[in-house]
């Protein structure tokens, strides 16, 4: 059988590093534990650190503040020539499909009128 172990980084405030699976009879390394970094409800902890007997996490607001800032640019990209061509061809295709649909209705109407005329002349 095997068990899951959770590694922490002693040089980084015992922060969670990764997990691994080892055999049941294998010794757990000094920088690992079999205790999962989850809260009482079974949810993963945010920025978990090992205190020697349990994992401790931070609240979501603190966690969000610890994330690096990513610059956001409001860049409106102009469509390239391929996009413009595809858009134009799509519009043409829709117009063609509408025309084919209308012509189909006209053909059906004319066919119906021809059949009615042929019946009345016989």
PDB file of N, CA and C in Angstrom:
ATOM      1  N   UNK A   1       0.844  -1.184   0.000  1.00  0.00           N
ATOM      2  CA  UNK A   1       0.000   0.000   0.000  1.00  0.00           C
ATOM      3  C   UNK A   1       0.882   1.238   0.000  1.00  0.00           C
ATOM      4  N   UNK A   2       0.288   2.387  -0.249  1.00  0.00           N
ATOM      5  CA  UNK A   2       1.042   3.626  -0.312  1.00  0.00           C
ATOM      6  C   UNK A   2       0.307   4.711   0.471  1.00  0.00           C
ATOM      7  N   UNK A   3       1.052   5.766   0.812  1.00  0.00           N
ATOM      8  CA  UNK A   3       0.439   6.904   1.506  1.00  0.00           C
ATOM      9  C   UNK A   3       0.945   8.193   0.882  1.00  0.00           C
ATOM     10  N   UNK A   4       0.139   9.222   1.037  1.00  0.00           N
ATOM     11  CA  UNK A   4       0.483  10.532   0.483  1.00  0.00           C
ATOM     12  C   UNK A   4       1.166  11.348   1.571  1.00  0.00           C
ATOM     13  N   UNK A   5       2.259  12.013   1.180  1.00  0.00           N
ATOM     14  CA  UNK A   5       2.944  12.895   2.121  1.00  0.00           C
ATOM     15  C   UNK A   5       3.021  14.288   1.511  1.00  0.00           C
ATOM     16  N   UNK A   6       3.056  15.288   2.374  1.00  0.00           N
ATOM     17  CA  UNK A   6       3.029  16.685   1.968  1.00  0.00           C
ATOM     18  C   UNK A   6       4.327  17.348   2.425  1.00  0.00           C
ATOM     19  N   UNK A   7       5.077  17.868   1.478  1.00  0.00           N
ATOM     20  CA  UNK A   7       6.365  18.485   1.771  1.00  0.00           C
ATOM     21  C   UNK A   7       6.201  19.970   2.057  1.00  0.00           C
ATOM     22  N   UNK A   8       7.059  20.459   2.954  1.00  0.00           N
ATOM     23  CA  UNK A   8       7.120  21.892   3.236  1.00  0.00           C
ATOM     24  C   UNK A   8       8.570  22.328   3.087  1.00  0.00           C
ATOM     25  N   UNK A   9       8.749  23.602   2.843  1.00  0.00           N
ATOM     26  CA  UNK A   9      10.071  24.158   2.567  1.00  0.00           C
ATOM     27  C   UNK A   9      10.605  24.845   3.820  1.00  0.00           C
ATOM     28  N   UNK A  10      11.544  24.193   4.539  1.00  0.00           N
ATOM     29  CA  UNK A  10      12.059  24.785   5.785  1.00  0.00           C
ATOM     30  C   UNK A  10      12.717  26.152   5.595  1.00  0.00           C
ATOM     31  N   UNK A  11      13.269  26.424   4.418  1.00  0.00           N
ATOM     32  CA  UNK A  11      13.935  27.710   4.193  1.00  0.00           C
ATOM     33  C   UNK A  11      12.946  28.816   3.825  1.00  0.00           C
ATOM     34  N   UNK A  12      11.664  28.456   3.678  1.00  0.00           N
ATOM     35  CA  UNK A  12      10.642  29.441   3.309  1.00  0.00           C
ATOM     36  C   UNK A  12       9.459  29.363   4.269  1.00  0.00           C
ATOM     37  N   UNK A  13       9.726  29.560   5.551  1.00  0.00           N
ATOM     38  CA  UNK A  13       8.693  29.580   6.593  1.00  0.00           C
ATOM     39  C   UNK A  13       7.841  28.312   6.602  1.00  0.00           C
ATOM     40  N   UNK A  14       8.418  27.187   6.234  1.00  0.00           N
ATOM     41  CA  UNK A  14       7.721  25.897   6.178  1.00  0.00           C
ATOM     42  C   UNK A  14       6.501  25.927   5.269  1.00  0.00           C
ATOM     43  N   UNK A  15       6.621  26.677   4.186  1.00  0.00           N
ATOM     44  CA  UNK A  15       5.525  26.785   3.221  1.00  0.00           C
ATOM     45  C   UNK A  15       5.352  25.464   2.481  1.00  0.00           C
ATOM     46  N   UNK A  16       4.096  25.119   2.183  1.00  0.00           N
ATOM     47  CA  UNK A  16       3.802  23.907   1.422  1.00  0.00           C
ATOM     48  C   UNK A  16       4.568  23.954   0.105  1.00  0.00           C
ATOM     49  N   UNK A  17       5.151  22.819  -0.249  1.00  0.00           N
ATOM     50  CA  UNK A  17       5.954  22.759  -1.462  1.00  0.00           C
ATOM     51  C   UNK A  17       5.312  21.860  -2.513  1.00  0.00           C
ATOM     52  N   UNK A  18       5.072  20.606  -2.163  1.00  0.00           N
ATOM     53  CA  UNK A  18       4.450  19.646  -3.080  1.00  0.00           C
ATOM     54  C   UNK A  18       4.067  18.409  -2.295  1.00  0.00           C
ATOM     55  N   UNK A  19       3.389  17.477  -2.970  1.00  0.00           N
ATOM     56  CA  UNK A  19       3.071  16.218  -2.307  1.00  0.00           C
ATOM     57  C   UNK A  19       3.667  15.079  -3.116  1.00  0.00           C
ATOM     58  N   UNK A  20       3.762  13.925  -2.478  1.00  0.00           N
ATOM     59  CA  UNK A  20       4.297  12.740  -3.135  1.00  0.00           C
ATOM     60  C   UNK A  20       3.628  11.523  -2.509  1.00  0.00           C
ATOM     61  N   UNK A  21       3.835  10.398  -3.110  1.00  0.00           N
ATOM     62  CA  UNK A  21       3.288   9.143  -2.586  1.00  0.00           C
ATOM     63  C   UNK A  21       4.460   8.227  -2.279  1.00  0.00           C
ATOM     64  N   UNK A  22       4.435   7.658  -1.069  1.00  0.00           N
ATOM     65  CA  UNK A  22       5.492   6.731  -0.667  1.00  0.00           C
ATOM     66  C   UNK A  22       4.848   5.450  -0.149  1.00  0.00           C
ATOM     67  N   UNK A  23       5.632   4.419  -0.036  1.00  0.00           N
ATOM     68  CA  UNK A  23       5.148   3.150   0.505  1.00  0.00           C
ATOM     69  C   UNK A  23       4.810   3.326   1.985  1.00  0.00           C
ATOM     70  N   UNK A  24       3.860   2.527   2.459  1.00  0.00           N
ATOM     71  CA  UNK A  24       3.429   2.630   3.858  1.00  0.00           C
ATOM     72  C   UNK A  24       4.579   2.420   4.842  1.00  0.00           C
ATOM     73  N   UNK A  25       5.494   1.542   4.496  1.00  0.00           N
ATOM     74  CA  UNK A  25       6.584   1.244   5.425  1.00  0.00           C
ATOM     75  C   UNK A  25       7.774   2.194   5.272  1.00  0.00           C
ATOM     76  N   UNK A  26       7.715   3.124   4.307  1.00  0.00           N
ATOM     77  CA  UNK A  26       8.800   4.082   4.119  1.00  0.00           C
ATOM     78  C   UNK A  26       8.722   5.171   5.180  1.00  0.00           C
ATOM     79  N   UNK A  27       9.892   5.688   5.570  1.00  0.00           N
ATOM     80  CA  UNK A  27       9.944   6.740   6.580  1.00  0.00           C
ATOM     81  C   UNK A  27       9.595   8.086   5.938  1.00  0.00           C
ATOM     82  N   UNK A  28       8.791   8.870   6.645  1.00  0.00           N
ATOM     83  CA  UNK A  28       8.416  10.203   6.176  1.00  0.00           C
ATOM     84  C   UNK A  28       9.628  11.118   6.372  1.00  0.00           C
ATOM     85  N   UNK A  29      10.050  11.833   5.315  1.00  0.00           N
ATOM     86  CA  UNK A  29      11.209  12.733   5.446  1.00  0.00           C
ATOM     87  C   UNK A  29      10.961  13.817   6.490  1.00  0.00           C
ATOM     88  N   UNK A  30      12.056  14.411   6.965  1.00  0.00           N
ATOM     89  CA  UNK A  30      11.970  15.440   8.010  1.00  0.00           C
ATOM     90  C   UNK A  30      11.195  16.668   7.535  1.00  0.00           C
ATOM     91  N   UNK A  31      11.205  16.942   6.233  1.00  0.00           N
ATOM     92  CA  UNK A  31      10.499  18.123   5.716  1.00  0.00           C
ATOM     93  C   UNK A  31       9.173  17.731   5.065  1.00  0.00           C
ATOM     94  N   UNK A  32       8.508  16.726   5.637  1.00  0.00           N
ATOM     95  CA  UNK A  32       7.218  16.279   5.114  1.00  0.00           C
ATOM     96  C   UNK A  32       6.341  15.797   6.252  1.00  0.00           C
ATOM     97  N   UNK A  33       5.054  15.684   5.948  1.00  0.00           N
ATOM     98  CA  UNK A  33       4.077  15.190   6.917  1.00  0.00           C
ATOM     99  C   UNK A  33       2.991  14.431   6.180  1.00  0.00           C
ATOM    100  N   UNK A  34       2.258  13.610   6.903  1.00  0.00           N
ATOM    101  CA  UNK A  34       1.120  12.903   6.314  1.00  0.00           C
ATOM    102  C   UNK A  34      -0.169  13.696   6.483  1.00  0.00           C
ATOM    103  N   UNK A  35      -0.098  14.819   7.209  1.00  0.00           N
ATOM    104  CA  UNK A  35      -1.267  15.675   7.430  1.00  0.00           C
ATOM    105  C   UNK A  35      -1.494  16.522   6.176  1.00  0.00           C
ATOM    106  N   UNK A  36      -2.700  16.448   5.633  1.00  0.00           N
ATOM    107  CA  UNK A  36      -3.028  17.198   4.413  1.00  0.00           C
ATOM    108  C   UNK A  36      -3.257  18.677   4.729  1.00  0.00           C
ATOM    109  N   UNK A  37      -2.840  19.579   3.834  1.00  0.00           N
ATOM    110  CA  UNK A  37      -3.035  21.021   4.066  1.00  0.00           C
ATOM    111  C   UNK A  37      -4.449  21.489   3.714  1.00  0.00           C
ATOM    112  N   UNK A  38      -5.430  20.982   4.477  1.00  0.00           N
ATOM    113  CA  UNK A  38      -6.833  21.332   4.273  1.00  0.00           C
ATOM    114  C   UNK A  38      -7.408  21.857   5.578  1.00  0.00           C
ATOM    115  N   UNK A  39      -8.484  22.650   5.465  1.00  0.00           N
ATOM    116  CA  UNK A  39      -9.135  23.149   6.682  1.00  0.00           C
ATOM    117  C   UNK A  39     -10.082  22.084   7.236  1.00  0.00           C
ATOM    118  N   UNK A  40     -10.823  22.444   8.283  1.00  0.00           N
ATOM    119  CA  UNK A  40     -11.736  21.493   8.936  1.00  0.00           C
ATOM    120  C   UNK A  40     -12.868  21.033   8.031  1.00  0.00           C
ATOM    121  N   UNK A  41     -13.166  21.841   6.992  1.00  0.00           N
ATOM    122  CA  UNK A  41     -14.244  21.498   6.063  1.00  0.00           C
ATOM    123  C   UNK A  41     -13.724  20.713   4.855  1.00  0.00           C
ATOM    124  N   UNK A  42     -12.407  20.430   4.823  1.00  0.00           N
ATOM    125  CA  UNK A  42     -11.834  19.677   3.722  1.00  0.00           C
ATOM    126  C   UNK A  42     -11.436  20.531   2.529  1.00  0.00           C
ATOM    127  N   UNK A  43     -11.447  21.848   2.706  1.00  0.00           N
ATOM    128  CA  UNK A  43     -11.055  22.754   1.621  1.00  0.00           C
ATOM    129  C   UNK A  43      -9.554  23.028   1.713  1.00  0.00           C
ATOM    130  N   UNK A  44      -8.879  23.161   0.562  1.00  0.00           N
ATOM    131  CA  UNK A  44      -7.449  23.474   0.587  1.00  0.00           C
ATOM    132  C   UNK A  44      -7.192  24.828   1.252  1.00  0.00           C
ATOM    133  N   UNK A  45      -6.123  24.879   2.027  1.00  0.00           N
ATOM    134  CA  UNK A  45      -5.739  26.132   2.668  1.00  0.00           C
ATOM    135  C   UNK A  45      -5.015  27.022   1.663  1.00  0.00           C
ATOM    136  N   UNK A  46      -5.131  28.334   1.841  1.00  0.00           N
ATOM    137  CA  UNK A  46      -4.432  29.287   0.994  1.00  0.00           C
ATOM    138  C   UNK A  46      -3.075  29.592   1.623  1.00  0.00           C
ATOM    139  N   UNK A  47      -2.017  29.490   0.845  1.00  0.00           N
ATOM    140  CA  UNK A  47      -0.638  29.681   1.310  1.00  0.00           C
ATOM    141  C   UNK A  47      -0.370  28.901   2.608  1.00  0.00           C
ATOM    142  N   UNK A  48      -0.565  27.586   2.608  1.00  0.00           N
ATOM    143  CA  UNK A  48      -0.385  26.821   3.841  1.00  0.00           C
ATOM    144  C   UNK A  48       1.076  26.769   4.297  1.00  0.00           C
ATOM    145  N   UNK A  49       1.244  26.839   5.619  1.00  0.00           N
ATOM    146  CA  UNK A  49       2.563  26.685   6.235  1.00  0.00           C
ATOM    147  C   UNK A  49       2.436  25.662   7.354  1.00  0.00           C
ATOM    148  N   UNK A  50       3.497  24.903   7.579  1.00  0.00           N
ATOM    149  CA  UNK A  50       3.507  23.843   8.589  1.00  0.00           C
ATOM    150  C   UNK A  50       4.086  24.399   9.884  1.00  0.00           C
ATOM    151  N   UNK A  51       3.343  24.242  10.995  1.00  0.00           N
ATOM    152  CA  UNK A  51       3.818  24.767  12.277  1.00  0.00           C
ATOM    153  C   UNK A  51       4.423  23.674  13.166  1.00  0.00           C
ATOM    154  N   UNK A  52       4.569  22.497  12.625  1.00  0.00           N
ATOM    155  CA  UNK A  52       5.148  21.392  13.387  1.00  0.00           C
ATOM    156  C   UNK A  52       4.122  20.347  13.771  1.00  0.00           C
ATOM    157  N   UNK A  53       2.843  20.750  13.823  1.00  0.00           N
ATOM    158  CA  UNK A  53       1.794  19.784  14.155  1.00  0.00           C
ATOM    159  C   UNK A  53       0.558  19.938  13.280  1.00  0.00           C
ATOM    160  N   UNK A  54       0.434  21.063  12.602  1.00  0.00           N
ATOM    161  CA  UNK A  54      -0.727  21.305  11.742  1.00  0.00           C
ATOM    162  C   UNK A  54      -0.373  22.349  10.681  1.00  0.00           C
ATOM    163  N   UNK A  55      -1.198  22.380   9.653  1.00  0.00           N
ATOM    164  CA  UNK A  55      -1.052  23.390   8.607  1.00  0.00           C
ATOM    165  C   UNK A  55      -1.870  24.614   8.986  1.00  0.00           C
ATOM    166  N   UNK A  56      -1.342  25.792   8.702  1.00  0.00           N
ATOM    167  CA  UNK A  56      -2.072  27.035   8.919  1.00  0.00           C
ATOM    168  C   UNK A  56      -2.119  27.772   7.582  1.00  0.00           C
ATOM    169  N   UNK A  57      -3.266  28.377   7.284  1.00  0.00           N
ATOM    170  CA  UNK A  57      -3.412  29.117   6.037  1.00  0.00           C
ATOM    171  C   UNK A  57      -3.753  30.559   6.310  1.00  0.00           C
ATOM    172  N   UNK A  58      -3.957  31.306   5.244  1.00  0.00           N
ATOM    173  CA  UNK A  58      -4.337  32.712   5.362  1.00  0.00           C
ATOM    174  C   UNK A  58      -5.727  32.892   4.778  1.00  0.00           C
ATOM    175  N   UNK A  59      -6.367  34.013   5.126  1.00  0.00           N
ATOM    176  CA  UNK A  59      -7.694  34.280   4.571  1.00  0.00           C
ATOM    177  C   UNK A  59      -7.548  34.730   3.113  1.00  0.00           C
ATOM    178  N   UNK A  60      -8.655  34.740   2.402  1.00  0.00           N
ATOM    179  CA  UNK A  60      -8.617  35.033   0.972  1.00  0.00           C
ATOM    180  C   UNK A  60      -8.100  36.436   0.687  1.00  0.00           C
ATOM    181  N   UNK A  61      -8.464  37.408   1.507  1.00  0.00           N
ATOM    182  CA  UNK A  61      -8.024  38.789   1.286  1.00  0.00           C
ATOM    183  C   UNK A  61      -6.500  38.885   1.389  1.00  0.00           C
ATOM    184  N   UNK A  62      -5.927  38.260   2.405  1.00  0.00           N
ATOM    185  CA  UNK A  62      -4.473  38.256   2.579  1.00  0.00           C
ATOM    186  C   UNK A  62      -3.802  37.542   1.422  1.00  0.00           C
ATOM    187  N   UNK A  63      -4.402  36.431   1.009  1.00  0.00           N
ATOM    188  CA  UNK A  63      -3.856  35.658  -0.108  1.00  0.00           C
ATOM    189  C   UNK A  63      -3.856  36.488  -1.388  1.00  0.00           C
ATOM    190  N   UNK A  64      -4.970  37.164  -1.672  1.00  0.00           N
ATOM    191  CA  UNK A  64      -5.053  38.002  -2.883  1.00  0.00           C
ATOM    192  C   UNK A  64      -4.009  39.119  -2.854  1.00  0.00           C
ATOM    193  N   UNK A  65      -3.778  39.712  -1.681  1.00  0.00           N
ATOM    194  CA  UNK A  65      -2.784  40.781  -1.560  1.00  0.00           C
ATOM    195  C   UNK A  65      -1.374  40.259  -1.817  1.00  0.00           C
ATOM    196  N   UNK A  66      -1.155  38.967  -1.567  1.00  0.00           N
ATOM    197  CA  UNK A  66       0.182  38.402  -1.759  1.00  0.00           C
ATOM    198  C   UNK A  66       0.482  38.078  -3.219  1.00  0.00           C
ATOM    199  N   UNK A  67      -0.542  38.099  -4.065  1.00  0.00           N
ATOM    200  CA  UNK A  67      -0.331  37.793  -5.471  1.00  0.00           C
ATOM    201  C   UNK A  67       0.378  38.955  -6.157  1.00  0.00           C
ATOM    202  N   UNK A  68       1.249  38.656  -7.105  1.00  0.00           N
ATOM    203  CA  UNK A  68       1.928  39.747  -7.811  1.00  0.00           C
ATOM    204  C   UNK A  68       0.944  40.528  -8.667  1.00  0.00           C
ATOM    205  N   UNK A  69       1.194  41.812  -8.773  1.00  0.00           N
ATOM    206  CA  UNK A  69       0.321  42.653  -9.589  1.00  0.00           C
ATOM    207  C   UNK A  69       0.645  42.435 -11.054  1.00  0.00           C
ATOM    208  N   UNK A  70      -0.387  42.299 -11.832  1.00  0.00           N
ATOM    209  CA  UNK A  70      -0.229  42.129 -13.266  1.00  0.00           C
ATOM    210  C   UNK A  70      -0.748  43.399 -13.925  1.00  0.00           C
ATOM    211  N   UNK A  71       0.111  44.054 -14.683  1.00  0.00           N
ATOM    212  CA  UNK A  71      -0.363  45.288 -15.324  1.00  0.00           C
ATOM    213  C   UNK A  71      -1.440  44.978 -16.350  1.00  0.00           C
ATOM    214  N   UNK A  72      -2.479  45.766 -16.315  1.00  0.00           N
ATOM    215  CA  UNK A  72      -3.577  45.597 -17.257  1.00  0.00           C
ATOM    216  C   UNK A  72      -3.581  46.770 -18.223  1.00  0.00           C
ATOM    217  N   UNK A  73      -3.584  46.453 -19.472  1.00  0.00           N
ATOM    218  CA  UNK A  73      -3.662  47.497 -20.483  1.00  0.00           C
ATOM    219  C   UNK A  73      -4.977  47.344 -21.217  1.00  0.00           C
ATOM    220  N   UNK A  74      -5.669  48.448 -21.353  1.00  0.00           N
ATOM    221  CA  UNK A  74      -6.906  48.430 -22.114  1.00  0.00           C
ATOM    222  C   UNK A  74      -6.553  48.642 -23.580  1.00  0.00           C
ATOM    223  N   UNK A  75      -6.199  47.545 -24.210  1.00  0.00           N
ATOM    224  CA  UNK A  75      -5.791  47.606 -25.605  1.00  0.00           C
ATOM    225  C   UNK A  75      -6.913  47.018 -26.448  1.00  0.00           C
ATOM    226  N   UNK A  76      -7.392  47.852 -27.348  1.00  0.00           N
ATOM    227  CA  UNK A  76      -8.432  47.381 -28.249  1.00  0.00           C
ATOM    228  C   UNK A  76      -7.746  47.010 -29.557  1.00  0.00           C
ATOM    229  N   UNK A  77      -7.731  45.729 -29.818  1.00  0.00           N
ATOM    230  CA  UNK A  77      -7.062  45.261 -31.015  1.00  0.00           C
ATOM    231  C   UNK A  77      -7.962  45.448 -32.226  1.00  0.00           C
ATOM    232  N   UNK A  78      -7.372  45.997 -33.257  1.00  0.00           N
ATOM    233  CA  UNK A  78      -8.081  46.131 -34.519  1.00  0.00           C
ATOM    234  C   UNK A  78      -8.049  44.783 -35.228  1.00  0.00           C
ATOM    235  N   UNK A  79      -9.146  44.420 -35.869  1.00  0.00           N
ATOM    236  CA  UNK A  79      -9.133  43.140 -36.589  1.00  0.00           C
ATOM    237  C   UNK A  79      -8.119  43.181 -37.735  1.00  0.00           C
ATOM    238  N   UNK A  80      -7.431  42.060 -37.921  1.00  0.00           N
ATOM    239  CA  UNK A  80      -6.466  42.014 -39.017  1.00  0.00           C
ATOM    240  C   UNK A  80      -7.205  41.729 -40.327  1.00  0.00           C
ATOM    241  N   UNK A  81      -6.473  41.708 -41.408  1.00  0.00           N
ATOM    242  CA  UNK A  81      -7.111  41.552 -42.725  1.00  0.00           C
ATOM    243  C   UNK A  81      -7.799  40.198 -42.855  1.00  0.00           C
ATOM    244  N   UNK A  82      -7.238  39.157 -42.244  1.00  0.00           N
ATOM    245  CA  UNK A  82      -7.885  37.836 -42.293  1.00  0.00           C
ATOM    246  C   UNK A  82      -9.237  37.877 -41.585  1.00  0.00           C
ATOM    247  N   UNK A  83      -9.273  38.523 -40.412  1.00  0.00           N
ATOM    248  CA  UNK A  83     -10.532  38.631 -39.672  1.00  0.00           C
ATOM    249  C   UNK A  83     -11.571  39.416 -40.466  1.00  0.00           C
ATOM    250  N   UNK A  84     -11.117  40.499 -41.111  1.00  0.00           N
ATOM    251  CA  UNK A  84     -12.037  41.310 -41.916  1.00  0.00           C
ATOM    252  C   UNK A  84     -12.569  40.503 -43.102  1.00  0.00           C
ATOM    253  N   UNK A  85     -11.700  39.731 -43.735  1.00  0.00           N
ATOM    254  CA  UNK A  85     -12.112  38.906 -44.881  1.00  0.00           C
ATOM    255  C   UNK A  85     -13.116  37.851 -44.437  1.00  0.00           C
ATOM    256  N   UNK A  86     -12.845  37.196 -43.325  1.00  0.00           N
ATOM    257  CA  UNK A  86     -13.755  36.172 -42.807  1.00  0.00           C
ATOM    258  C   UNK A  86     -15.108  36.790 -42.487  1.00  0.00           C
ATOM    259  N   UNK A  87     -15.102  37.970 -41.878  1.00  0.00           N
ATOM    260  CA  UNK A  87     -16.351  38.653 -41.542  1.00  0.00           C
ATOM    261  C   UNK A  87     -17.142  38.988 -42.802  1.00  0.00           C
ATOM    262  N   UNK A  88     -16.460  39.493 -43.818  1.00  0.00           N
ATOM    263  CA  UNK A  88     -17.127  39.854 -45.071  1.00  0.00           C
ATOM    264  C   UNK A  88     -17.700  38.607 -45.756  1.00  0.00           C
ATOM    265  N   UNK A  89     -16.908  37.525 -45.783  1.00  0.00           N
ATOM    266  CA  UNK A  89     -17.378  36.293 -46.427  1.00  0.00           C
ATOM    267  C   UNK A  89     -18.552  35.678 -45.658  1.00  0.00           C
ATOM    268  N   UNK A  90     -18.541  35.792 -44.349  1.00  0.00           N
ATOM    269  CA  UNK A  90     -19.651  35.280 -43.543  1.00  0.00           C
ATOM    270  C   UNK A  90     -20.928  36.051 -43.847  1.00  0.00           C
ATOM    271  N   UNK A  91     -20.806  37.371 -43.963  1.00  0.00           N
ATOM    272  CA  UNK A  91     -21.979  38.196 -44.301  1.00  0.00           C
ATOM    273  C   UNK A  91     -22.503  37.823 -45.685  1.00  0.00           C
ATOM    274  N   UNK A  92     -21.602  37.622 -46.647  1.00  0.00           N
ATOM    275  CA  UNK A  92     -22.015  37.225 -47.999  1.00  0.00           C
ATOM    276  C   UNK A  92     -22.698  35.864 -47.988  1.00  0.00           C
ATOM    277  N   UNK A  93     -22.176  34.933 -47.200  1.00  0.00           N
ATOM    278  CA  UNK A  93     -22.773  33.603 -47.100  1.00  0.00           C
ATOM    279  C   UNK A  93     -24.181  33.683 -46.533  1.00  0.00           C
ATOM    280  N   UNK A  94     -24.367  34.514 -45.501  1.00  0.00           N
ATOM    281  CA  UNK A  94     -25.701  34.674 -44.917  1.00  0.00           C
ATOM    282  C   UNK A  94     -26.678  35.262 -45.928  1.00  0.00           C
ATOM    283  N   UNK A  95     -26.226  36.257 -46.701  1.00  0.00           N
ATOM    284  CA  UNK A  95     -27.083  36.846 -47.726  1.00  0.00           C
ATOM    285  C   UNK A  95     -27.444  35.799 -48.785  1.00  0.00           C
ATOM    286  N   UNK A  96     -26.479  34.995 -49.187  1.00  0.00           N
ATOM    287  CA  UNK A  96     -26.719  33.952 -50.189  1.00  0.00           C
ATOM    288  C   UNK A  96     -27.709  32.925 -49.661  1.00  0.00           C
ATOM    289  N   UNK A  97     -27.552  32.531 -48.409  1.00  0.00           N
ATOM    290  CA  UNK A  97     -28.479  31.557 -47.822  1.00  0.00           C
ATOM    291  C   UNK A  97     -29.892  32.126 -47.761  1.00  0.00           C
ATOM    292  N   UNK A  98     -30.033  33.414 -47.431  1.00  0.00           N
ATOM    293  CA  UNK A  98     -31.359  34.033 -47.398  1.00  0.00           C
ATOM    294  C   UNK A  98     -31.965  34.064 -48.796  1.00  0.00           C
ATOM    295  N   UNK A  99     -31.142  34.371 -49.802  1.00  0.00           N
ATOM    296  CA  UNK A  99     -31.624  34.429 -51.170  1.00  0.00           C
ATOM    297  C   UNK A  99     -32.067  33.040 -51.650  1.00  0.00           C
ATOM    298  N   UNK A 100     -31.281  32.017 -51.325  1.00  0.00           N
ATOM    299  CA  UNK A 100     -31.639  30.650 -51.699  1.00  0.00           C
ATOM    300  C   UNK A 100     -32.948  30.247 -51.032  1.00  0.00           C
ATOM    301  N   UNK A 101     -33.121  30.617 -49.782  1.00  0.00           N
ATOM    302  CA  UNK A 101     -34.354  30.313 -49.061  1.00  0.00           C
ATOM    303  C   UNK A 101     -35.557  30.995 -49.732  1.00  0.00           C
ATOM    304  N   UNK A 102     -35.399  32.275 -50.085  1.00  0.00           N
ATOM    305  CA  UNK A 102     -36.487  33.009 -50.750  1.00  0.00           C
ATOM    306  C   UNK A 102     -36.797  32.402 -52.119  1.00  0.00           C
ATOM    307  N   UNK A 103     -35.754  32.046 -52.857  1.00  0.00           N
ATOM    308  CA  UNK A 103     -35.976  31.455 -54.179  1.00  0.00           C
ATOM    309  C   UNK A 103     -36.660  30.094 -54.065  1.00  0.00           C
ATOM    310  N   UNK A 104     -36.313  29.342 -53.023  1.00  0.00           N
ATOM    311  CA  UNK A 104     -36.976  28.059 -52.781  1.00  0.00           C
ATOM    312  C   UNK A 104     -38.466  28.248 -52.537  1.00  0.00           C
ATOM    313  N   UNK A 105     -38.820  29.284 -51.772  1.00  0.00           N
ATOM    314  CA  UNK A 105     -40.226  29.573 -51.517  1.00  0.00           C
ATOM    315  C   UNK A 105     -40.936  29.992 -52.801  1.00  0.00           C
ATOM    316  N   UNK A 106     -40.259  30.805 -53.635  1.00  0.00           N
ATOM    317  CA  UNK A 106     -40.845  31.237 -54.906  1.00  0.00           C
ATOM    318  C   UNK A 106     -41.048  30.044 -55.842  1.00  0.00           C
ATOM    319  N   UNK A 107     -40.061  29.157 -55.899  1.00  0.00           N
ATOM    320  CA  UNK A 107     -40.183  27.967 -56.748  1.00  0.00           C
ATOM    321  C   UNK A 107     -41.351  27.106 -56.285  1.00  0.00           C
ATOM    322  N   UNK A 108     -41.484  26.931 -54.969  1.00  0.00           N
ATOM    323  CA  UNK A 108     -42.586  26.137 -54.432  1.00  0.00           C
ATOM    324  C   UNK A 108     -43.922  26.784 -54.776  1.00  0.00           C
ATOM    325  N   UNK A 109     -44.009  28.109 -54.676  1.00  0.00           N
ATOM    326  CA  UNK A 109     -45.243  28.818 -54.989  1.00  0.00           C
ATOM    327  C   UNK A 109     -45.579  28.704 -56.474  1.00  0.00           C
ATOM    328  N   UNK A 110     -44.569  28.876 -57.330  1.00  0.00           N
ATOM    329  CA  UNK A 110     -44.797  28.758 -58.780  1.00  0.00           C
ATOM    330  C   UNK A 110     -45.182  27.333 -59.170  1.00  0.00           C
ATOM    331  N   UNK A 111     -44.543  26.359 -58.547  1.00  0.00           N
ATOM    332  CA  UNK A 111     -44.878  24.961 -58.834  1.00  0.00           C
ATOM    333  C   UNK A 111     -46.315  24.680 -58.433  1.00  0.00           C
ATOM    334  N   UNK A 112     -46.712  25.186 -57.287  1.00  0.00           N
ATOM    335  CA  UNK A 112     -48.081  25.005 -56.815  1.00  0.00           C
ATOM    336  C   UNK A 112     -49.066  25.659 -57.786  1.00  0.00           C
ATOM    337  N   UNK A 113     -48.729  26.862 -58.255  1.00  0.00           N
ATOM    338  CA  UNK A 113     -49.604  27.561 -59.199  1.00  0.00           C
ATOM    339  C   UNK A 113     -49.690  26.803 -60.525  1.00  0.00           C
ATOM    340  N   UNK A 114     -48.578  26.273 -61.020  1.00  0.00           N
ATOM    341  CA  UNK A 114     -48.575  25.492 -62.273  1.00  0.00           C
ATOM    342  C   UNK A 114     -49.434  24.238 -62.136  1.00  0.00           C
ATOM    343  N   UNK A 115     -49.309  23.561 -60.982  1.00  0.00           N
ATOM    344  CA  UNK A 115     -50.113  22.351 -60.774  1.00  0.00           C
ATOM    345  C   UNK A 115     -51.593  22.683 -60.698  1.00  0.00           C
ATOM    346  N   UNK A 116     -51.918  23.786 -60.021  1.00  0.00           N
ATOM    347  CA  UNK A 116     -53.320  24.197 -59.935  1.00  0.00           C
ATOM    348  C   UNK A 116     -53.847  24.580 -61.308  1.00  0.00           C
ATOM    349  N   UNK A 117     -53.032  25.254 -62.119  1.00  0.00           N
ATOM    350  CA  UNK A 117     -53.424  25.637 -63.477  1.00  0.00           C
ATOM    351  C   UNK A 117     -53.598  24.398 -64.359  1.00  0.00           C
ATOM    352  N   UNK A 118     -52.682  23.435 -64.195  1.00  0.00           N
ATOM    353  CA  UNK A 118     -52.779  22.223 -65.010  1.00  0.00           C
ATOM    354  C   UNK A 118     -54.034  21.435 -64.671  1.00  0.00           C
ATOM    355  N   UNK A 119     -54.437  21.398 -63.424  1.00  0.00           N
ATOM    356  CA  UNK A 119     -55.638  20.679 -63.010  1.00  0.00           C
ATOM    357  C   UNK A 119     -56.903  21.356 -63.556  1.00  0.00           C
ATOM    358  N   UNK A 120     -56.882  22.683 -63.564  1.00  0.00           N
ATOM    359  CA  UNK A 120     -58.067  23.416 -64.006  1.00  0.00           C
ATOM    360  C   UNK A 120     -58.249  23.340 -65.537  1.00  0.00           C
ATOM    361  N   UNK A 121     -57.192  23.124 -66.264  1.00  0.00           N
ATOM    362  CA  UNK A 121     -57.303  23.044 -67.721  1.00  0.00           C
ATOM    363  C   UNK A 121     -57.656  21.642 -68.167  1.00  0.00           C
ATOM    364  N   UNK A 122     -57.554  20.692 -67.380  1.00  0.00           N
ATOM    365  CA  UNK A 122     -57.917  19.303 -67.776  1.00  0.00           C
ATOM    366  C   UNK A 122     -59.328  19.033 -67.556  1.00  0.00           C
TER     367      UNK A 122
END
